[in-house]
């Protein structure tokens, strides 16, 4: 149940915060070097990194949870043990994928 609720929360967060950041980024690119520099400065602050890492995690959590729901829509994975394992895997998988993306972005992994 918690992963299902988390799926809804991450979807809402991506559609509100994620679209706002994406719109700001695209508008700053279209507006020239000075607005893009402002965006880059804001995005590279500690708070900016927290937002970007959070959006990355929300994306992967929502994606993996959506795959889980898709599998469940086929009638599979309703047994309590499998369902619980699948739910835990969505959380663990989203954390691992987020860590890998940011490790790659920061040049820690090639």
C-alpha atoms as a PDB file:
ATOM      1  CA  UNK A   1       0.000   0.000   0.000  1.00  0.00           C
ATOM      2  CA  UNK A   2       2.838   2.419   0.861  1.00  0.00           C
ATOM      3  CA  UNK A   3       4.488   1.926  -2.546  1.00  0.00           C
ATOM      4  CA  UNK A   4       1.166   2.548  -4.275  1.00  0.00           C
ATOM      5  CA  UNK A   5       0.748   5.811  -2.367  1.00  0.00           C
ATOM      6  CA  UNK A   6       4.378   6.686  -3.106  1.00  0.00           C
ATOM      7  CA  UNK A   7       3.617   6.110  -6.798  1.00  0.00           C
ATOM      8  CA  UNK A   8       0.894   8.756  -6.657  1.00  0.00           C
ATOM      9  CA  UNK A   9       3.050  11.198  -4.667  1.00  0.00           C
ATOM     10  CA  UNK A  10       6.009  10.872  -7.044  1.00  0.00           C
ATOM     11  CA  UNK A  11       3.697  11.330 -10.010  1.00  0.00           C
ATOM     12  CA  UNK A  12       2.308  14.523  -8.531  1.00  0.00           C
ATOM     13  CA  UNK A  13       5.781  15.756  -7.601  1.00  0.00           C
ATOM     14  CA  UNK A  14       7.104  15.086 -11.081  1.00  0.00           C
ATOM     15  CA  UNK A  15       4.180  16.830 -12.705  1.00  0.00           C
ATOM     16  CA  UNK A  16       4.386  19.907 -10.461  1.00  0.00           C
ATOM     17  CA  UNK A  17       8.041  20.369  -9.478  1.00  0.00           C
ATOM     18  CA  UNK A  18       9.530  18.466 -12.397  1.00  0.00           C
ATOM     19  CA  UNK A  19       7.598  20.382 -15.020  1.00  0.00           C
ATOM     20  CA  UNK A  20       8.408  23.693 -13.312  1.00  0.00           C
ATOM     21  CA  UNK A  21      12.139  22.934 -13.359  1.00  0.00           C
ATOM     22  CA  UNK A  22      11.975  21.642 -16.944  1.00  0.00           C
ATOM     23  CA  UNK A  23      10.073  24.743 -18.067  1.00  0.00           C
ATOM     24  CA  UNK A  24      12.529  27.046 -16.310  1.00  0.00           C
ATOM     25  CA  UNK A  25      15.459  25.190 -17.909  1.00  0.00           C
ATOM     26  CA  UNK A  26      13.981  25.294 -21.424  1.00  0.00           C
ATOM     27  CA  UNK A  27      12.936  28.945 -21.099  1.00  0.00           C
ATOM     28  CA  UNK A  28      16.408  29.886 -19.889  1.00  0.00           C
ATOM     29  CA  UNK A  29      18.000  28.101 -22.857  1.00  0.00           C
ATOM     30  CA  UNK A  30      15.687  29.909 -25.250  1.00  0.00           C
ATOM     31  CA  UNK A  31      16.285  33.290 -23.588  1.00  0.00           C
ATOM     32  CA  UNK A  32      20.046  33.435 -23.955  1.00  0.00           C
ATOM     33  CA  UNK A  33      23.235  33.095 -22.003  1.00  0.00           C
ATOM     34  CA  UNK A  34      22.400  35.317 -19.027  1.00  0.00           C
ATOM     35  CA  UNK A  35      19.121  33.566 -18.060  1.00  0.00           C
ATOM     36  CA  UNK A  36      20.801  30.178 -18.616  1.00  0.00           C
ATOM     37  CA  UNK A  37      23.670  31.229 -16.344  1.00  0.00           C
ATOM     38  CA  UNK A  38      21.089  32.163 -13.696  1.00  0.00           C
ATOM     39  CA  UNK A  39      19.453  28.752 -14.015  1.00  0.00           C
ATOM     40  CA  UNK A  40      22.817  26.984 -13.857  1.00  0.00           C
ATOM     41  CA  UNK A  41      23.807  28.952 -10.776  1.00  0.00           C
ATOM     42  CA  UNK A  42      20.553  28.040  -9.036  1.00  0.00           C
ATOM     43  CA  UNK A  43      20.731  24.386 -10.094  1.00  0.00           C
ATOM     44  CA  UNK A  44      24.284  23.964  -8.792  1.00  0.00           C
ATOM     45  CA  UNK A  45      23.564  25.241  -5.283  1.00  0.00           C
ATOM     46  CA  UNK A  46      23.167  22.613  -2.553  1.00  0.00           C
ATOM     47  CA  UNK A  47      19.384  23.151  -2.627  1.00  0.00           C
ATOM     48  CA  UNK A  48      19.404  22.837  -6.420  1.00  0.00           C
ATOM     49  CA  UNK A  49      21.226  19.517  -6.216  1.00  0.00           C
ATOM     50  CA  UNK A  50      18.760  18.277  -3.607  1.00  0.00           C
ATOM     51  CA  UNK A  51      15.869  19.136  -5.937  1.00  0.00           C
ATOM     52  CA  UNK A  52      17.545  17.512  -8.949  1.00  0.00           C
ATOM     53  CA  UNK A  53      18.492  14.352  -7.063  1.00  0.00           C
ATOM     54  CA  UNK A  54      14.970  14.224  -5.630  1.00  0.00           C
ATOM     55  CA  UNK A  55      13.464  14.536  -9.098  1.00  0.00           C
ATOM     56  CA  UNK A  56      15.771  11.800 -10.360  1.00  0.00           C
ATOM     57  CA  UNK A  57      14.721   9.509  -7.535  1.00  0.00           C
ATOM     58  CA  UNK A  58      11.029  10.381  -8.047  1.00  0.00           C
ATOM     59  CA  UNK A  59      11.356   9.562 -11.754  1.00  0.00           C
ATOM     60  CA  UNK A  60      12.882   6.131 -11.127  1.00  0.00           C
ATOM     61  CA  UNK A  61      10.500   5.357  -8.253  1.00  0.00           C
ATOM     62  CA  UNK A  62       7.506   6.285 -10.399  1.00  0.00           C
ATOM     63  CA  UNK A  63       8.856   4.295 -13.358  1.00  0.00           C
ATOM     64  CA  UNK A  64       9.552   1.128 -11.382  1.00  0.00           C
ATOM     65  CA  UNK A  65       6.298   1.396  -9.478  1.00  0.00           C
ATOM     66  CA  UNK A  66       4.469   1.858 -12.771  1.00  0.00           C
ATOM     67  CA  UNK A  67       6.083  -1.324 -14.092  1.00  0.00           C
ATOM     68  CA  UNK A  68       4.979  -3.065 -10.888  1.00  0.00           C
ATOM     69  CA  UNK A  69       1.414  -1.875 -11.411  1.00  0.00           C
ATOM     70  CA  UNK A  70       1.529  -2.968 -15.049  1.00  0.00           C
ATOM     71  CA  UNK A  71       2.598  -6.468 -14.023  1.00  0.00           C
ATOM     72  CA  UNK A  72      -0.136  -6.554 -11.404  1.00  0.00           C
ATOM     73  CA  UNK A  73      -2.685  -5.459 -14.031  1.00  0.00           C
ATOM     74  CA  UNK A  74      -1.925  -8.685 -15.885  1.00  0.00           C
ATOM     75  CA  UNK A  75      -3.029 -10.626 -12.814  1.00  0.00           C
ATOM     76  CA  UNK A  76       0.461 -11.571 -11.645  1.00  0.00           C
ATOM     77  CA  UNK A  77       2.296 -10.802  -8.387  1.00  0.00           C
ATOM     78  CA  UNK A  78      -0.784 -10.702  -6.158  1.00  0.00           C
ATOM     79  CA  UNK A  79       0.562 -13.293  -3.714  1.00  0.00           C
ATOM     80  CA  UNK A  80       1.529 -11.490  -0.526  1.00  0.00           C
ATOM     81  CA  UNK A  81       5.185 -12.560  -0.494  1.00  0.00           C
ATOM     82  CA  UNK A  82       5.819 -11.743  -4.154  1.00  0.00           C
ATOM     83  CA  UNK A  83       3.904  -8.473  -3.917  1.00  0.00           C
ATOM     84  CA  UNK A  84       5.879  -7.370  -0.869  1.00  0.00           C
ATOM     85  CA  UNK A  85       9.203  -8.318  -2.487  1.00  0.00           C
ATOM     86  CA  UNK A  86       8.248  -6.494  -5.685  1.00  0.00           C
ATOM     87  CA  UNK A  87       7.324  -3.391  -3.653  1.00  0.00           C
ATOM     88  CA  UNK A  88      10.646  -3.430  -1.802  1.00  0.00           C
ATOM     89  CA  UNK A  89      12.499  -3.913  -5.100  1.00  0.00           C
ATOM     90  CA  UNK A  90      10.916  -0.756  -6.512  1.00  0.00           C
ATOM     91  CA  UNK A  91      12.279   1.284  -3.621  1.00  0.00           C
ATOM     92  CA  UNK A  92      15.719  -0.328  -3.636  1.00  0.00           C
ATOM     93  CA  UNK A  93      15.904  -0.196  -7.440  1.00  0.00           C
ATOM     94  CA  UNK A  94      15.013   3.496  -7.553  1.00  0.00           C
ATOM     95  CA  UNK A  95      17.710   4.304  -4.994  1.00  0.00           C
ATOM     96  CA  UNK A  96      20.323   2.281  -6.889  1.00  0.00           C
ATOM     97  CA  UNK A  97      19.401   3.790 -10.253  1.00  0.00           C
ATOM     98  CA  UNK A  98      19.462   7.313  -8.797  1.00  0.00           C
ATOM     99  CA  UNK A  99      22.882   6.689  -7.257  1.00  0.00           C
ATOM    100  CA  UNK A 100      24.196   5.309 -10.561  1.00  0.00           C
ATOM    101  CA  UNK A 101      22.902   8.249 -12.594  1.00  0.00           C
ATOM    102  CA  UNK A 102      24.414  10.803 -10.232  1.00  0.00           C
ATOM    103  CA  UNK A 103      27.684   8.878  -9.912  1.00  0.00           C
ATOM    104  CA  UNK A 104      27.896   8.915 -13.714  1.00  0.00           C
ATOM    105  CA  UNK A 105      26.957  12.599 -13.850  1.00  0.00           C
ATOM    106  CA  UNK A 106      29.630  13.510 -11.309  1.00  0.00           C
ATOM    107  CA  UNK A 107      32.210  11.421 -13.169  1.00  0.00           C
ATOM    108  CA  UNK A 108      32.593   8.759 -10.496  1.00  0.00           C
ATOM    109  CA  UNK A 109      31.471   5.966 -12.863  1.00  0.00           C
ATOM    110  CA  UNK A 110      32.176   5.593 -16.559  1.00  0.00           C
END
